[in-house]
Amino acid sequence: MTFSLAQSARTETPQKNSTEAAPAVRRRDIRFDADDGFPLAGTLFEGDGQKPLVLISSATAVPRGFYAAFAAAAVETGARGVLIYDYRGTGNSTRPKGWSKRIGMADWALHDMPAAAKALDKIAPGHPMVGVGQSYGGQALGLCGISDRFVRYGMVAVMSGYHRGLDDRWAGPRMFLLGVPLSYLFRDMPKWMRLGEPIPATVFRDWARWCSMPDYFFDDPELGETARFTKVQTPILSLRMTDDPWGTERAVVSLIKHYDNAPIERRWISPQDAGSFVGHLGFFRSRFAETLWPPFLAWLLDGTEFTIGSAPPQHV
């Protein structure tokens, strides 16, 4: 869920926090096509390091530029290359003229994420690749069908969107009583709804339908690709922010339990651990470049033990 995040998902500008010269980061915008021909936009960050490639898959209604500072930091830490991208119908991955096929939320995982991995792979074919997914970007790992391409996968605020699993009691009414009716009046959800960046109305309706189901999209009989979750064996680090009203413990467990054959490490990150409020999206803000990012990047790129936060209590 990403309600009222319009002000929270602004593009992050890479910043240097050290007086030492950081490794050069080469940045360029690219275009690539999904397997069904939909044109997608991405930004590629490259350096001279030989650590894994990194694919970053974003949260719903969050533009790729929000992850730019983190992508640059990953390259400065030794990543061979990092790709951030916009899902179809969002950001710069605009609907092409004459496109008549329905855009569904599942398309982001089934078509766009594999296309992005393929585009990233071109800069160093066969090089180890790791993934980062925030919210929907972590759900997508189980649907995409390419989980075996990732050596490790870091999940930030990844949970089930079922509205009764959240601590925001107004999320359901806003989505079902306001959002769904509006989705039939607009091709793309209006920005004044404060969902974040505009997303296709058809995507919003898919999202709302899943959020009405107790087991989220696993209850959707039309989404057979949920069977892929049990095939995921990629090591996962799942981070839950204790001040995230949507990423509650019950919501996280409700989603993460479906990765039943993957080795999973879970950590709770509190404002005390981070030094300030984090919330649902805050992890990727530059103010955490010196606190939360280094141990996360060490785990992601080197497989080093993640040392921040705490493990969930056994009784929760």
C-alpha atoms as a PDB file:
ATOM      1  CA  MET A   1       0.000   0.000   0.000  1.00  0.00           C
ATOM      2  CA  THR A   2       1.344   3.474  -0.758  1.00  0.00           C
ATOM      3  CA  PHE A   3      -1.442   5.913   0.167  1.00  0.00           C
ATOM      4  CA  SER A   4      -0.542   9.569   0.781  1.00  0.00           C
ATOM      5  CA  LEU A   5       2.999   9.119  -0.486  1.00  0.00           C
ATOM      6  CA  ALA A   6       3.078  11.837  -3.133  1.00  0.00           C
ATOM      7  CA  GLN A   7       5.474  13.904  -1.047  1.00  0.00           C
ATOM      8  CA  SER A   8       7.409  10.845   0.126  1.00  0.00           C
ATOM      9  CA  ALA A   9       8.552   9.523  -3.218  1.00  0.00           C
ATOM     10  CA  ARG A  10      10.405  12.452  -4.707  1.00  0.00           C
ATOM     11  CA  THR A  11      13.488  11.671  -6.752  1.00  0.00           C
ATOM     12  CA  GLU A  12      16.534  11.266  -4.572  1.00  0.00           C
ATOM     13  CA  THR A  13      19.674  13.101  -5.690  1.00  0.00           C
ATOM     14  CA  PRO A  14      22.908  11.156  -5.192  1.00  0.00           C
ATOM     15  CA  GLN A  15      25.010  12.851  -2.525  1.00  0.00           C
ATOM     16  CA  LYS A  16      28.585  12.424  -1.432  1.00  0.00           C
ATOM     17  CA  ASN A  17      28.953  12.058   2.336  1.00  0.00           C
ATOM     18  CA  SER A  18      32.711  11.644   2.455  1.00  0.00           C
ATOM     19  CA  THR A  19      35.678  13.892   1.728  1.00  0.00           C
ATOM     20  CA  GLU A  20      37.378  10.962   0.011  1.00  0.00           C
ATOM     21  CA  ALA A  21      36.982  10.650  -3.745  1.00  0.00           C
ATOM     22  CA  ALA A  22      34.290   8.070  -4.509  1.00  0.00           C
ATOM     23  CA  PRO A  23      34.675   5.681  -7.446  1.00  0.00           C
ATOM     24  CA  ALA A  24      33.360   7.133 -10.704  1.00  0.00           C
ATOM     25  CA  VAL A  25      29.734   6.346 -11.445  1.00  0.00           C
ATOM     26  CA  ARG A  26      28.634   6.434 -15.063  1.00  0.00           C
ATOM     27  CA  ARG A  27      24.907   7.068 -15.422  1.00  0.00           C
ATOM     28  CA  ARG A  28      22.738   6.885 -18.534  1.00  0.00           C
ATOM     29  CA  ASP A  29      19.068   6.527 -19.366  1.00  0.00           C
ATOM     30  CA  ILE A  30      18.128   3.519 -21.489  1.00  0.00           C
ATOM     31  CA  ARG A  31      15.076   2.135 -23.284  1.00  0.00           C
ATOM     32  CA  PHE A  32      14.237  -1.548 -23.642  1.00  0.00           C
ATOM     33  CA  ASP A  33      11.205  -3.609 -24.581  1.00  0.00           C
ATOM     34  CA  ALA A  34       9.301  -6.190 -22.574  1.00  0.00           C
ATOM     35  CA  ASP A  35       8.612  -9.537 -24.251  1.00  0.00           C
ATOM     36  CA  ASP A  36       5.171  -8.309 -25.369  1.00  0.00           C
ATOM     37  CA  GLY A  37       6.651  -5.221 -27.018  1.00  0.00           C
ATOM     38  CA  PHE A  38       5.845  -2.635 -24.337  1.00  0.00           C
ATOM     39  CA  PRO A  39       8.658  -0.020 -24.239  1.00  0.00           C
ATOM     40  CA  LEU A  40      10.188   0.559 -20.818  1.00  0.00           C
ATOM     41  CA  ALA A  41      12.453   3.262 -19.408  1.00  0.00           C
ATOM     42  CA  GLY A  42      15.363   2.724 -17.075  1.00  0.00           C
ATOM     43  CA  THR A  43      18.513   4.353 -15.760  1.00  0.00           C
ATOM     44  CA  LEU A  44      21.730   2.387 -15.719  1.00  0.00           C
ATOM     45  CA  PHE A  45      24.551   3.108 -13.275  1.00  0.00           C
ATOM     46  CA  GLU A  46      27.954   1.580 -14.058  1.00  0.00           C
ATOM     47  CA  GLY A  47      31.349   1.545 -12.429  1.00  0.00           C
ATOM     48  CA  ASP A  48      34.579  -0.410 -12.550  1.00  0.00           C
ATOM     49  CA  GLY A  49      33.788  -2.716  -9.634  1.00  0.00           C
ATOM     50  CA  GLN A  50      33.297  -6.443 -10.116  1.00  0.00           C
ATOM     51  CA  LYS A  51      30.738  -7.168  -7.425  1.00  0.00           C
ATOM     52  CA  PRO A  52      27.283  -8.333  -8.572  1.00  0.00           C
ATOM     53  CA  LEU A  53      24.928  -6.481 -10.852  1.00  0.00           C
ATOM     54  CA  VAL A  54      21.955  -5.034  -8.939  1.00  0.00           C
ATOM     55  CA  LEU A  55      18.371  -4.835 -10.194  1.00  0.00           C
ATOM     56  CA  ILE A  56      16.118  -2.526  -8.175  1.00  0.00           C
ATOM     57  CA  SER A  57      12.356  -3.048  -8.466  1.00  0.00           C
ATOM     58  CA  SER A  58      10.279  -0.287  -6.974  1.00  0.00           C
ATOM     59  CA  ALA A  59       7.205   0.072  -4.813  1.00  0.00           C
ATOM     60  CA  THR A  60       3.835   0.856  -6.364  1.00  0.00           C
ATOM     61  CA  ALA A  61       3.520   4.454  -7.626  1.00  0.00           C
ATOM     62  CA  VAL A  62       7.168   5.259  -6.871  1.00  0.00           C
ATOM     63  CA  PRO A  63       9.285   6.588  -9.783  1.00  0.00           C
ATOM     64  CA  ARG A  64      12.649   5.039 -10.488  1.00  0.00           C
ATOM     65  CA  GLY A  65      14.485   8.267  -9.662  1.00  0.00           C
ATOM     66  CA  PHE A  66      13.653   7.767  -5.994  1.00  0.00           C
ATOM     67  CA  TYR A  67      16.259   4.986  -5.936  1.00  0.00           C
ATOM     68  CA  ALA A  68      18.989   6.912  -7.787  1.00  0.00           C
ATOM     69  CA  ALA A  69      21.060   7.811  -4.733  1.00  0.00           C
ATOM     70  CA  PHE A  70      21.019   4.226  -3.477  1.00  0.00           C
ATOM     71  CA  ALA A  71      21.918   2.932  -6.962  1.00  0.00           C
ATOM     72  CA  ALA A  72      24.913   5.257  -7.106  1.00  0.00           C
ATOM     73  CA  ALA A  73      25.970   4.160  -3.611  1.00  0.00           C
ATOM     74  CA  ALA A  74      25.840   0.520  -4.707  1.00  0.00           C
ATOM     75  CA  VAL A  75      28.194   1.250  -7.613  1.00  0.00           C
ATOM     76  CA  GLU A  76      30.505   3.190  -5.307  1.00  0.00           C
ATOM     77  CA  THR A  77      30.533   0.106  -3.060  1.00  0.00           C
ATOM     78  CA  GLY A  78      31.725  -2.044  -5.963  1.00  0.00           C
ATOM     79  CA  ALA A  79      28.625  -3.187  -7.855  1.00  0.00           C
ATOM     80  CA  ARG A  80      29.381  -3.829 -11.531  1.00  0.00           C
ATOM     81  CA  GLY A  81      26.188  -2.047 -12.514  1.00  0.00           C
ATOM     82  CA  VAL A  82      22.745  -1.113 -11.189  1.00  0.00           C
ATOM     83  CA  LEU A  83      19.469  -0.684 -13.064  1.00  0.00           C
ATOM     84  CA  ILE A  84      16.427   1.217 -11.847  1.00  0.00           C
ATOM     85  CA  TYR A  85      13.332   1.206 -14.065  1.00  0.00           C
ATOM     86  CA  ASP A  86       9.723   2.317 -14.347  1.00  0.00           C
ATOM     87  CA  TYR A  87       6.975  -0.280 -14.623  1.00  0.00           C
ATOM     88  CA  ARG A  88       4.697  -0.014 -17.646  1.00  0.00           C
ATOM     89  CA  GLY A  89       2.251   2.843 -17.514  1.00  0.00           C
ATOM     90  CA  THR A  90       4.280   4.694 -14.851  1.00  0.00           C
ATOM     91  CA  GLY A  91       7.011   7.329 -14.901  1.00  0.00           C
ATOM     92  CA  ASN A  92       8.744   7.414 -18.280  1.00  0.00           C
ATOM     93  CA  SER A  93       7.475   3.975 -19.296  1.00  0.00           C
ATOM     94  CA  THR A  94       4.473   5.622 -20.877  1.00  0.00           C
ATOM     95  CA  ARG A  95       1.784   3.798 -22.788  1.00  0.00           C
ATOM     96  CA  PRO A  96       2.795   3.904 -26.482  1.00  0.00           C
ATOM     97  CA  LYS A  97       0.450   5.390 -29.032  1.00  0.00           C
ATOM     98  CA  GLY A  98      -1.943   2.751 -30.293  1.00  0.00           C
ATOM     99  CA  TRP A  99      -1.382   0.375 -27.359  1.00  0.00           C
ATOM    100  CA  SER A 100      -4.762  -1.255 -26.739  1.00  0.00           C
ATOM    101  CA  LYS A 101      -3.894  -4.201 -24.516  1.00  0.00           C
ATOM    102  CA  ARG A 102      -4.999  -3.909 -20.904  1.00  0.00           C
ATOM    103  CA  ILE A 103      -2.254  -3.009 -18.441  1.00  0.00           C
ATOM    104  CA  GLY A 104      -2.494  -5.187 -15.349  1.00  0.00           C
ATOM    105  CA  MET A 105      -0.537  -5.009 -12.124  1.00  0.00           C
ATOM    106  CA  ALA A 106       0.759  -8.540 -12.651  1.00  0.00           C
ATOM    107  CA  ASP A 107       2.360  -7.375 -15.922  1.00  0.00           C
ATOM    108  CA  TRP A 108       4.921  -5.471 -13.875  1.00  0.00           C
ATOM    109  CA  ALA A 109       6.231  -8.754 -12.461  1.00  0.00           C
ATOM    110  CA  LEU A 110       5.513 -11.124 -15.352  1.00  0.00           C
ATOM    111  CA  HIS A 111       6.854  -8.956 -18.183  1.00  0.00           C
ATOM    112  CA  ASP A 112       8.637  -5.829 -16.944  1.00  0.00           C
ATOM    113  CA  MET A 113      10.901  -7.264 -14.258  1.00  0.00           C
ATOM    114  CA  PRO A 114      12.295 -10.040 -16.519  1.00  0.00           C
ATOM    115  CA  ALA A 115      12.866  -7.471 -19.280  1.00  0.00           C
ATOM    116  CA  ALA A 116      14.762  -5.226 -16.872  1.00  0.00           C
ATOM    117  CA  ALA A 117      16.951  -8.131 -15.717  1.00  0.00           C
ATOM    118  CA  LYS A 118      17.679  -8.956 -19.352  1.00  0.00           C
ATOM    119  CA  ALA A 119      18.616  -5.346 -20.089  1.00  0.00           C
ATOM    120  CA  LEU A 120      20.939  -5.240 -17.083  1.00  0.00           C
ATOM    121  CA  ASP A 121      22.481  -8.564 -18.031  1.00  0.00           C
ATOM    122  CA  LYS A 122      23.625  -7.117 -21.368  1.00  0.00           C
ATOM    123  CA  ILE A 123      26.350  -5.030 -19.773  1.00  0.00           C
ATOM    124  CA  ALA A 124      28.046  -8.128 -18.318  1.00  0.00           C
ATOM    125  CA  PRO A 125      26.390 -11.342 -19.572  1.00  0.00           C
ATOM    126  CA  GLY A 126      26.381 -14.097 -16.963  1.00  0.00           C
ATOM    127  CA  HIS A 127      27.808 -11.875 -14.237  1.00  0.00           C
ATOM    128  CA  PRO A 128      26.293 -12.548 -10.783  1.00  0.00           C
ATOM    129  CA  MET A 129      23.131 -10.540 -10.173  1.00  0.00           C
ATOM    130  CA  VAL A 130      21.341  -9.605  -6.969  1.00  0.00           C
ATOM    131  CA  GLY A 131      18.001  -7.898  -6.526  1.00  0.00           C
ATOM    132  CA  VAL A 132      16.392  -5.274  -4.339  1.00  0.00           C
ATOM    133  CA  GLY A 133      12.622  -5.010  -4.065  1.00  0.00           C
ATOM    134  CA  GLN A 134      10.615  -2.490  -2.112  1.00  0.00           C
ATOM    135  CA  SER A 135       6.973  -3.334  -1.335  1.00  0.00           C
ATOM    136  CA  TYR A 136       5.600  -4.575  -4.700  1.00  0.00           C
ATOM    137  CA  GLY A 137       9.186  -5.092  -5.903  1.00  0.00           C
ATOM    138  CA  GLY A 138       9.563  -7.870  -3.333  1.00  0.00           C
ATOM    139  CA  GLN A 139       6.235  -9.459  -4.183  1.00  0.00           C
ATOM    140  CA  ALA A 140       7.358  -9.535  -7.809  1.00  0.00           C
ATOM    141  CA  LEU A 141      10.235 -11.916  -7.077  1.00  0.00           C
ATOM    142  CA  GLY A 142       7.776 -14.766  -6.534  1.00  0.00           C
ATOM    143  CA  LEU A 143       5.816 -14.043  -9.700  1.00  0.00           C
ATOM    144  CA  CYS A 144       8.537 -13.138 -12.190  1.00  0.00           C
ATOM    145  CA  GLY A 145       9.759 -16.634 -13.036  1.00  0.00           C
ATOM    146  CA  ILE A 146      13.443 -15.587 -12.994  1.00  0.00           C
ATOM    147  CA  SER A 147      14.213 -15.880  -9.278  1.00  0.00           C
ATOM    148  CA  ASP A 148      17.087 -18.263 -10.038  1.00  0.00           C
ATOM    149  CA  ARG A 149      18.925 -15.380 -11.748  1.00  0.00           C
ATOM    150  CA  PHE A 150      19.489 -13.714  -8.375  1.00  0.00           C
ATOM    151  CA  VAL A 151      22.260 -14.753  -5.998  1.00  0.00           C
ATOM    152  CA  ARG A 152      20.542 -12.858  -3.157  1.00  0.00           C
ATOM    153  CA  TYR A 153      17.449 -10.690  -2.876  1.00  0.00           C
ATOM    154  CA  GLY A 154      16.975  -7.847  -0.408  1.00  0.00           C
ATOM    155  CA  MET A 155      13.382  -6.984   0.484  1.00  0.00           C
ATOM    156  CA  VAL A 156      12.436  -3.679   2.095  1.00  0.00           C
ATOM    157  CA  ALA A 157       8.901  -3.179   3.488  1.00  0.00           C
ATOM    158  CA  VAL A 158       7.549  -6.167   1.545  1.00  0.00           C
ATOM    159  CA  MET A 159       4.184  -7.397   2.760  1.00  0.00           C
ATOM    160  CA  SER A 160       0.680  -8.491   1.827  1.00  0.00           C
ATOM    161  CA  GLY A 161      -1.580  -5.597   0.889  1.00  0.00           C
ATOM    162  CA  TYR A 162      -4.720  -7.082   2.465  1.00  0.00           C
ATOM    163  CA  HIS A 163      -6.301  -3.993   4.003  1.00  0.00           C
ATOM    164  CA  ARG A 164      -7.226  -5.595   7.324  1.00  0.00           C
ATOM    165  CA  GLY A 165      -3.601  -6.542   7.901  1.00  0.00           C
ATOM    166  CA  LEU A 166      -2.546  -2.891   8.026  1.00  0.00           C
ATOM    167  CA  ASP A 167      -2.517  -0.431  10.902  1.00  0.00           C
ATOM    168  CA  ASP A 168      -4.036   2.275   8.681  1.00  0.00           C
ATOM    169  CA  ARG A 169      -7.786   1.851   9.210  1.00  0.00           C
ATOM    170  CA  TRP A 170      -8.571   4.369   6.477  1.00  0.00           C
ATOM    171  CA  ALA A 171      -6.631   2.549   3.761  1.00  0.00           C
ATOM    172  CA  GLY A 172      -9.548   0.302   2.821  1.00  0.00           C
ATOM    173  CA  PRO A 173     -12.215   3.023   2.671  1.00  0.00           C
ATOM    174  CA  ARG A 174      -9.942   5.304   0.613  1.00  0.00           C
ATOM    175  CA  MET A 175      -9.163   2.510  -1.798  1.00  0.00           C
ATOM    176  CA  PHE A 176     -12.601   0.927  -2.171  1.00  0.00           C
ATOM    177  CA  LEU A 177     -14.995   3.851  -1.653  1.00  0.00           C
ATOM    178  CA  LEU A 178     -12.970   6.590  -3.354  1.00  0.00           C
ATOM    179  CA  GLY A 179     -10.249   5.039  -5.466  1.00  0.00           C
ATOM    180  CA  VAL A 180     -12.195   2.325  -7.262  1.00  0.00           C
ATOM    181  CA  PRO A 181     -15.066   4.593  -8.429  1.00  0.00           C
ATOM    182  CA  LEU A 182     -12.539   7.187  -9.624  1.00  0.00           C
ATOM    183  CA  SER A 183     -10.649   4.512 -11.532  1.00  0.00           C
ATOM    184  CA  TYR A 184     -13.614   4.217 -13.896  1.00  0.00           C
ATOM    185  CA  LEU A 185     -13.477   7.932 -14.687  1.00  0.00           C
ATOM    186  CA  PHE A 186      -9.776   8.237 -15.546  1.00  0.00           C
ATOM    187  CA  ARG A 187      -7.339   6.244 -17.662  1.00  0.00           C
ATOM    188  CA  ASP A 188      -4.637   6.929 -15.054  1.00  0.00           C
ATOM    189  CA  MET A 189      -5.247   7.645 -11.389  1.00  0.00           C
ATOM    190  CA  PRO A 190      -5.135  11.413 -10.742  1.00  0.00           C
ATOM    191  CA  LYS A 191      -2.162  12.687  -8.806  1.00  0.00           C
ATOM    192  CA  TRP A 192      -4.385  14.638  -6.418  1.00  0.00           C
ATOM    193  CA  MET A 193      -5.436  11.297  -4.910  1.00  0.00           C
ATOM    194  CA  ARG A 194      -1.972  11.294  -3.342  1.00  0.00           C
ATOM    195  CA  LEU A 195      -1.207   7.690  -4.190  1.00  0.00           C
ATOM    196  CA  GLY A 196       2.242   8.709  -5.346  1.00  0.00           C
ATOM    197  CA  GLU A 197       2.974   8.944  -9.077  1.00  0.00           C
ATOM    198  CA  PRO A 198       0.015   8.216 -11.409  1.00  0.00           C
ATOM    199  CA  ILE A 199      -0.590   4.549 -12.184  1.00  0.00           C
ATOM    200  CA  PRO A 200      -2.979   3.055 -14.771  1.00  0.00           C
ATOM    201  CA  ALA A 201      -6.545   2.840 -13.504  1.00  0.00           C
ATOM    202  CA  THR A 202      -6.644  -0.828 -14.500  1.00  0.00           C
ATOM    203  CA  VAL A 203      -3.611  -1.468 -12.308  1.00  0.00           C
ATOM    204  CA  PHE A 204      -5.315   0.302  -9.425  1.00  0.00           C
ATOM    205  CA  ARG A 205      -8.389  -1.910  -9.776  1.00  0.00           C
ATOM    206  CA  ASP A 206      -6.220  -5.040  -9.745  1.00  0.00           C
ATOM    207  CA  TRP A 207      -4.477  -3.734  -6.645  1.00  0.00           C
ATOM    208  CA  ALA A 208      -7.761  -2.930  -4.903  1.00  0.00           C
ATOM    209  CA  ARG A 209      -9.150  -6.378  -5.712  1.00  0.00           C
ATOM    210  CA  TRP A 210      -6.082  -8.074  -4.251  1.00  0.00           C
ATOM    211  CA  CYS A 211      -6.191  -5.829  -1.171  1.00  0.00           C
ATOM    212  CA  SER A 212      -9.753  -7.001  -0.510  1.00  0.00           C
ATOM    213  CA  MET A 213      -8.646 -10.655  -0.377  1.00  0.00           C
ATOM    214  CA  PRO A 214      -7.428 -12.140   2.938  1.00  0.00           C
ATOM    215  CA  ASP A 215      -4.524 -13.907   1.236  1.00  0.00           C
ATOM    216  CA  TYR A 216      -3.916 -11.021  -1.175  1.00  0.00           C
ATOM    217  CA  PHE A 217      -3.216 -12.097  -4.781  1.00  0.00           C
ATOM    218  CA  PHE A 218      -2.805 -15.712  -3.700  1.00  0.00           C
ATOM    219  CA  ASP A 219      -6.614 -15.753  -3.556  1.00  0.00           C
ATOM    220  CA  ASP A 220      -6.853 -14.583  -7.180  1.00  0.00           C
ATOM    221  CA  PRO A 221      -7.893 -17.616  -9.304  1.00  0.00           C
ATOM    222  CA  GLU A 222      -6.724 -15.788 -12.451  1.00  0.00           C
ATOM    223  CA  LEU A 223      -3.138 -15.440 -11.226  1.00  0.00           C
ATOM    224  CA  GLY A 224      -1.757 -18.953 -11.575  1.00  0.00           C
ATOM    225  CA  GLU A 225       1.794 -17.623 -11.414  1.00  0.00           C
ATOM    226  CA  THR A 226       1.536 -17.538  -7.613  1.00  0.00           C
ATOM    227  CA  ALA A 227       2.550 -21.222  -7.833  1.00  0.00           C
ATOM    228  CA  ARG A 228       6.056 -19.945  -8.646  1.00  0.00           C
ATOM    229  CA  PHE A 229       6.575 -18.721  -5.070  1.00  0.00           C
ATOM    230  CA  THR A 230       7.288 -22.208  -3.791  1.00  0.00           C
ATOM    231  CA  LYS A 231      10.016 -22.608  -6.425  1.00  0.00           C
ATOM    232  CA  VAL A 232      12.025 -19.629  -5.168  1.00  0.00           C
ATOM    233  CA  GLN A 233      15.230 -20.751  -3.463  1.00  0.00           C
ATOM    234  CA  THR A 234      17.068 -17.431  -3.540  1.00  0.00           C
ATOM    235  CA  PRO A 235      18.403 -16.289  -0.129  1.00  0.00           C
ATOM    236  CA  ILE A 236      16.219 -13.407   1.082  1.00  0.00           C
ATOM    237  CA  LEU A 237      16.825 -10.648   3.609  1.00  0.00           C
ATOM    238  CA  SER A 238      13.476  -9.132   4.617  1.00  0.00           C
ATOM    239  CA  LEU A 239      13.535  -5.803   6.459  1.00  0.00           C
ATOM    240  CA  ARG A 240      10.480  -4.533   8.286  1.00  0.00           C
ATOM    241  CA  MET A 241      10.330  -0.950   9.581  1.00  0.00           C
ATOM    242  CA  THR A 242       8.631  -0.887  12.984  1.00  0.00           C
ATOM    243  CA  ASP A 243       7.183   2.581  12.246  1.00  0.00           C
ATOM    244  CA  ASP A 244       5.609   1.481   8.946  1.00  0.00           C
ATOM    245  CA  PRO A 245       1.787   1.479   9.337  1.00  0.00           C
ATOM    246  CA  TRP A 246       1.378  -0.776   6.288  1.00  0.00           C
ATOM    247  CA  GLY A 247       4.287  -3.142   6.779  1.00  0.00           C
ATOM    248  CA  THR A 248       2.942  -4.610   9.998  1.00  0.00           C
ATOM    249  CA  GLU A 249       4.271  -7.890  11.307  1.00  0.00           C
ATOM    250  CA  ARG A 250       1.091  -9.735  10.340  1.00  0.00           C
ATOM    251  CA  ALA A 251       1.177  -8.235   6.830  1.00  0.00           C
ATOM    252  CA  VAL A 252       4.846  -9.155   6.334  1.00  0.00           C
ATOM    253  CA  VAL A 253       4.355 -12.715   7.561  1.00  0.00           C
ATOM    254  CA  SER A 254       1.253 -13.132   5.412  1.00  0.00           C
ATOM    255  CA  LEU A 255       3.358 -12.531   2.291  1.00  0.00           C
ATOM    256  CA  ILE A 256       6.762 -13.895   3.239  1.00  0.00           C
ATOM    257  CA  LYS A 257       5.367 -17.279   4.320  1.00  0.00           C
ATOM    258  CA  HIS A 258       4.739 -18.099   0.674  1.00  0.00           C
ATOM    259  CA  TYR A 259       8.502 -18.106   0.000  1.00  0.00           C
ATOM    260  CA  ASP A 260       8.490 -21.426   1.796  1.00  0.00           C
ATOM    261  CA  ASN A 261      11.555 -22.937   0.099  1.00  0.00           C
ATOM    262  CA  ALA A 262      13.802 -19.884   0.285  1.00  0.00           C
ATOM    263  CA  PRO A 263      16.285 -19.272   3.121  1.00  0.00           C
ATOM    264  CA  ILE A 264      14.963 -16.108   4.767  1.00  0.00           C
ATOM    265  CA  GLU A 265      16.548 -13.799   7.298  1.00  0.00           C
ATOM    266  CA  ARG A 266      14.193 -11.259   8.842  1.00  0.00           C
ATOM    267  CA  ARG A 267      15.102  -8.075  10.691  1.00  0.00           C
ATOM    268  CA  TRP A 268      13.111  -5.335  12.389  1.00  0.00           C
ATOM    269  CA  ILE A 269      14.466  -1.806  11.912  1.00  0.00           C
ATOM    270  CA  SER A 270      13.301   0.783  14.450  1.00  0.00           C
ATOM    271  CA  PRO A 271      13.687   4.590  14.369  1.00  0.00           C
ATOM    272  CA  GLN A 272      16.285   4.146  17.116  1.00  0.00           C
ATOM    273  CA  ASP A 273      18.304   1.832  14.863  1.00  0.00           C
ATOM    274  CA  ALA A 274      18.048   4.263  11.958  1.00  0.00           C
ATOM    275  CA  GLY A 275      18.427   7.492  13.891  1.00  0.00           C
ATOM    276  CA  SER A 276      15.096   8.897  12.683  1.00  0.00           C
ATOM    277  CA  PHE A 277      11.674   8.011  11.316  1.00  0.00           C
ATOM    278  CA  VAL A 278      11.828   5.554   8.392  1.00  0.00           C
ATOM    279  CA  GLY A 279       8.251   4.539   7.542  1.00  0.00           C
ATOM    280  CA  HIS A 280       7.197   2.631   4.444  1.00  0.00           C
ATOM    281  CA  LEU A 281       9.468   4.328   1.890  1.00  0.00           C
ATOM    282  CA  GLY A 282      12.105   6.128   3.905  1.00  0.00           C
ATOM    283  CA  PHE A 283      14.807   3.438   3.794  1.00  0.00           C
ATOM    284  CA  PHE A 284      16.048   4.655   0.402  1.00  0.00           C
ATOM    285  CA  ARG A 285      16.380   8.291   1.410  1.00  0.00           C
ATOM    286  CA  SER A 286      19.907   9.702   1.375  1.00  0.00           C
ATOM    287  CA  ARG A 287      19.805  10.489   5.087  1.00  0.00           C
ATOM    288  CA  PHE A 288      20.319   6.778   5.701  1.00  0.00           C
ATOM    289  CA  ALA A 289      23.361   6.508   3.429  1.00  0.00           C
ATOM    290  CA  GLU A 290      25.696   6.237   6.420  1.00  0.00           C
ATOM    291  CA  THR A 291      23.512   4.107   8.695  1.00  0.00           C
ATOM    292  CA  LEU A 292      21.168   1.663   6.970  1.00  0.00           C
ATOM    293  CA  TRP A 293      22.680   1.388   3.507  1.00  0.00           C
ATOM    294  CA  PRO A 294      26.210   0.093   4.318  1.00  0.00           C
ATOM    295  CA  PRO A 295      25.129  -3.115   6.122  1.00  0.00           C
ATOM    296  CA  PHE A 296      22.401  -3.721   3.548  1.00  0.00           C
ATOM    297  CA  LEU A 297      24.846  -3.310   0.652  1.00  0.00           C
ATOM    298  CA  ALA A 298      27.406  -5.501   2.417  1.00  0.00           C
ATOM    299  CA  TRP A 299      24.829  -8.296   2.682  1.00  0.00           C
ATOM    300  CA  LEU A 300      23.635  -7.757  -0.866  1.00  0.00           C
ATOM    301  CA  LEU A 301      27.004  -7.522  -2.623  1.00  0.00           C
ATOM    302  CA  ASP A 302      29.232  -9.649  -0.386  1.00  0.00           C
ATOM    303  CA  GLY A 303      26.904 -11.906   1.568  1.00  0.00           C
ATOM    304  CA  THR A 304      28.117 -10.355   4.820  1.00  0.00           C
ATOM    305  CA  GLU A 305      25.969 -10.761   7.930  1.00  0.00           C
ATOM    306  CA  PHE A 306      23.374  -7.994   8.339  1.00  0.00           C
ATOM    307  CA  THR A 307      23.986  -6.403  11.726  1.00  0.00           C
ATOM    308  CA  ILE A 308      21.375  -3.648  12.139  1.00  0.00           C
ATOM    309  CA  GLY A 309      18.068  -4.037  13.967  1.00  0.00           C
ATOM    310  CA  SER A 310      16.744  -7.145  15.641  1.00  0.00           C
ATOM    311  CA  ALA A 311      15.151 -10.452  14.765  1.00  0.00           C
ATOM    312  CA  PRO A 312      11.362 -10.598  15.226  1.00  0.00           C
ATOM    313  CA  PRO A 313      10.365 -11.925  18.658  1.00  0.00           C
ATOM    314  CA  GLN A 314       9.415 -15.588  18.491  1.00  0.00           C
ATOM    315  CA  HIS A 315       6.028 -15.008  20.087  1.00  0.00           C
ATOM    316  CA  VAL A 316       4.883 -12.426  17.487  1.00  0.00           C
END
